[in-house]
Amino acid sequence: VQLQASGGGLVQAGDSLRLSCVGSGRTSSIYAMGWFRQAPGKEREFVGRLILSTGSTNYADSVKDRFRISRDNAKNTMYLQMNTLKPEDMAVYYCAAKRRFSSEYGYWGQGTQVTVSS
């Protein structure tokens, strides 16, 4: 499974941005896909996830009222719609995927930079 994240950029606080994550390869083996982010000097943190079989989503408390995960099955693409961006959202965003019964996300995209100016 290969993942390609894109859509990052420079925005102002309060703006919106949509990230994309395109999957290729044996994507039928994937159970869940997630978004993570890592700011400079900080550890990588969970942003949200999507369970492919049910479409259910979960989000970190810091983003749950502003971010939304969606998908386009025909395009093998997962999206992260980010609204009302804040300077503290600035980070490199990664998409990831894992198989059922796997405790960890075993597949990672290359990351896309989101910069939020105040």
Protein backbone atom coordinates (compact mmCIF):
# COMPACT_ATOMS: atom_id res chain seq x y z
CA VAL A 1 0.00 0.00 0.00
CA GLN A 2 1.29 3.41 -0.96
CA LEU A 3 -0.13 6.68 0.30
CA GLN A 4 0.32 10.11 -1.23
CA ALA A 5 -0.70 13.14 0.79
CA SER A 6 -1.15 16.56 -0.74
CA GLY A 7 -2.97 19.84 -0.35
CA GLY A 8 -0.91 21.62 2.24
CA GLY A 9 -0.02 25.25 1.95
CA LEU A 10 0.16 28.67 3.58
CA VAL A 11 -3.08 30.09 4.90
CA GLN A 12 -4.18 32.73 7.34
CA ALA A 13 -5.80 32.00 10.67
CA GLY A 14 -9.50 31.38 10.16
CA ASP A 15 -9.07 30.02 6.65
CA SER A 16 -9.89 26.54 5.42
CA LEU A 17 -7.80 23.95 3.67
CA ARG A 18 -8.46 20.45 2.37
CA LEU A 19 -5.84 17.76 2.38
CA SER A 20 -6.00 14.67 0.21
CA CYS A 21 -4.55 11.22 0.65
CA VAL A 22 -4.54 8.91 -2.34
CA GLY A 23 -4.04 5.22 -1.75
CA SER A 24 -2.68 2.73 -4.23
CA GLY A 25 -1.66 -0.90 -4.19
CA ARG A 26 -3.49 -3.45 -2.05
CA THR A 27 -5.89 -0.96 -0.55
CA SER A 28 -8.53 -3.66 -0.13
CA SER A 29 -6.54 -4.90 2.86
CA ILE A 30 -6.88 -1.62 4.70
CA TYR A 31 -9.20 -1.38 7.71
CA ALA A 32 -8.65 2.18 8.84
CA MET A 33 -7.01 5.35 7.62
CA GLY A 34 -5.90 8.21 9.74
CA TRP A 35 -4.46 11.69 9.78
CA PHE A 36 -1.61 12.64 12.05
CA ARG A 37 0.43 15.80 12.40
CA GLN A 38 3.78 16.82 13.76
CA ALA A 39 4.74 20.36 14.65
CA PRO A 40 8.39 21.43 15.00
CA GLY A 41 9.83 20.22 18.27
CA LYS A 42 6.76 18.20 19.14
CA GLU A 43 5.80 14.58 18.91
CA ARG A 44 3.51 13.34 16.20
CA GLU A 45 -0.11 13.46 17.29
CA PHE A 46 -3.35 11.87 16.19
CA VAL A 47 -5.79 14.10 14.32
CA GLY A 48 -8.54 11.76 13.18
CA ARG A 49 -9.33 8.44 11.65
CA LEU A 50 -11.79 6.78 9.32
CA ILE A 51 -12.98 3.18 9.54
CA LEU A 52 -13.41 2.18 5.92
CA SER A 53 -16.02 -0.53 6.40
CA THR A 54 -18.43 1.64 8.36
CA GLY A 55 -17.44 5.17 7.45
CA SER A 56 -17.24 6.09 11.12
CA THR A 57 -14.79 8.75 12.17
CA ASN A 58 -13.02 9.83 15.35
CA TYR A 59 -11.17 13.05 16.03
CA ALA A 60 -8.79 14.53 18.53
CA ASP A 61 -10.51 16.92 20.90
CA SER A 62 -8.43 19.80 19.57
CA VAL A 63 -9.92 19.49 16.09
CA LYS A 64 -13.26 17.72 16.43
CA ASP A 65 -15.37 20.80 15.93
CA ARG A 66 -13.34 22.11 12.99
CA PHE A 67 -11.97 19.18 10.97
CA ARG A 68 -13.84 16.54 8.99
CA ILE A 69 -12.64 13.36 7.28
CA SER A 70 -14.36 12.15 4.18
CA ARG A 71 -13.59 9.75 1.36
CA ASP A 72 -14.15 9.11 -2.31
CA ASN A 73 -14.05 5.37 -2.85
CA ALA A 74 -13.95 5.70 -6.61
CA LYS A 75 -10.75 7.71 -6.34
CA ASN A 76 -9.23 5.74 -3.44
CA THR A 77 -8.91 9.08 -1.72
CA MET A 78 -9.41 10.26 1.84
CA TYR A 79 -9.79 13.95 2.61
CA LEU A 80 -9.23 16.10 5.65
CA GLN A 81 -11.31 19.26 5.54
CA MET A 82 -9.81 21.75 7.95
CA ASN A 83 -11.88 24.80 8.86
CA THR A 84 -11.17 27.77 11.07
CA LEU A 85 -7.49 27.01 11.09
CA LYS A 86 -5.43 28.24 13.99
CA PRO A 87 -1.68 28.89 14.28
CA GLU A 88 -1.45 25.85 16.54
CA ASP A 89 -2.66 23.70 13.65
CA MET A 90 0.55 24.41 11.80
CA ALA A 91 2.40 21.15 11.25
CA VAL A 92 3.35 18.52 8.75
CA TYR A 93 0.29 16.40 8.20
CA TYR A 94 0.59 12.71 7.43
CA CYS A 95 -1.96 10.19 6.30
CA ALA A 96 -1.61 6.61 7.40
CA ALA A 97 -3.36 3.29 7.04
CA LYS A 98 -3.55 0.06 8.93
CA ARG A 99 -4.91 -3.39 8.48
CA ARG A 100 -7.53 -5.03 10.66
CA PHE A 101 -6.11 -6.50 13.88
CA SER A 102 -2.97 -4.44 13.48
CA SER A 103 -2.12 -2.37 16.53
CA GLU A 104 -0.21 0.21 14.57
CA TYR A 105 -0.52 2.17 11.37
CA GLY A 106 1.87 0.35 9.08
CA TYR A 107 1.59 2.52 6.00
CA TRP A 108 2.45 6.20 5.86
CA GLY A 109 2.36 8.96 3.31
CA GLN A 110 5.17 11.44 2.90
CA GLY A 111 3.54 14.37 4.70
CA THR A 112 2.30 17.74 3.56
CA GLN A 113 3.13 21.04 5.26
CA VAL A 114 0.35 23.23 6.60
CA THR A 115 1.41 26.72 7.63
CA VAL A 116 -1.03 29.03 9.39
CA SER A 117 -0.14 32.67 9.80
CA SER A 118 -1.72 34.73 12.55
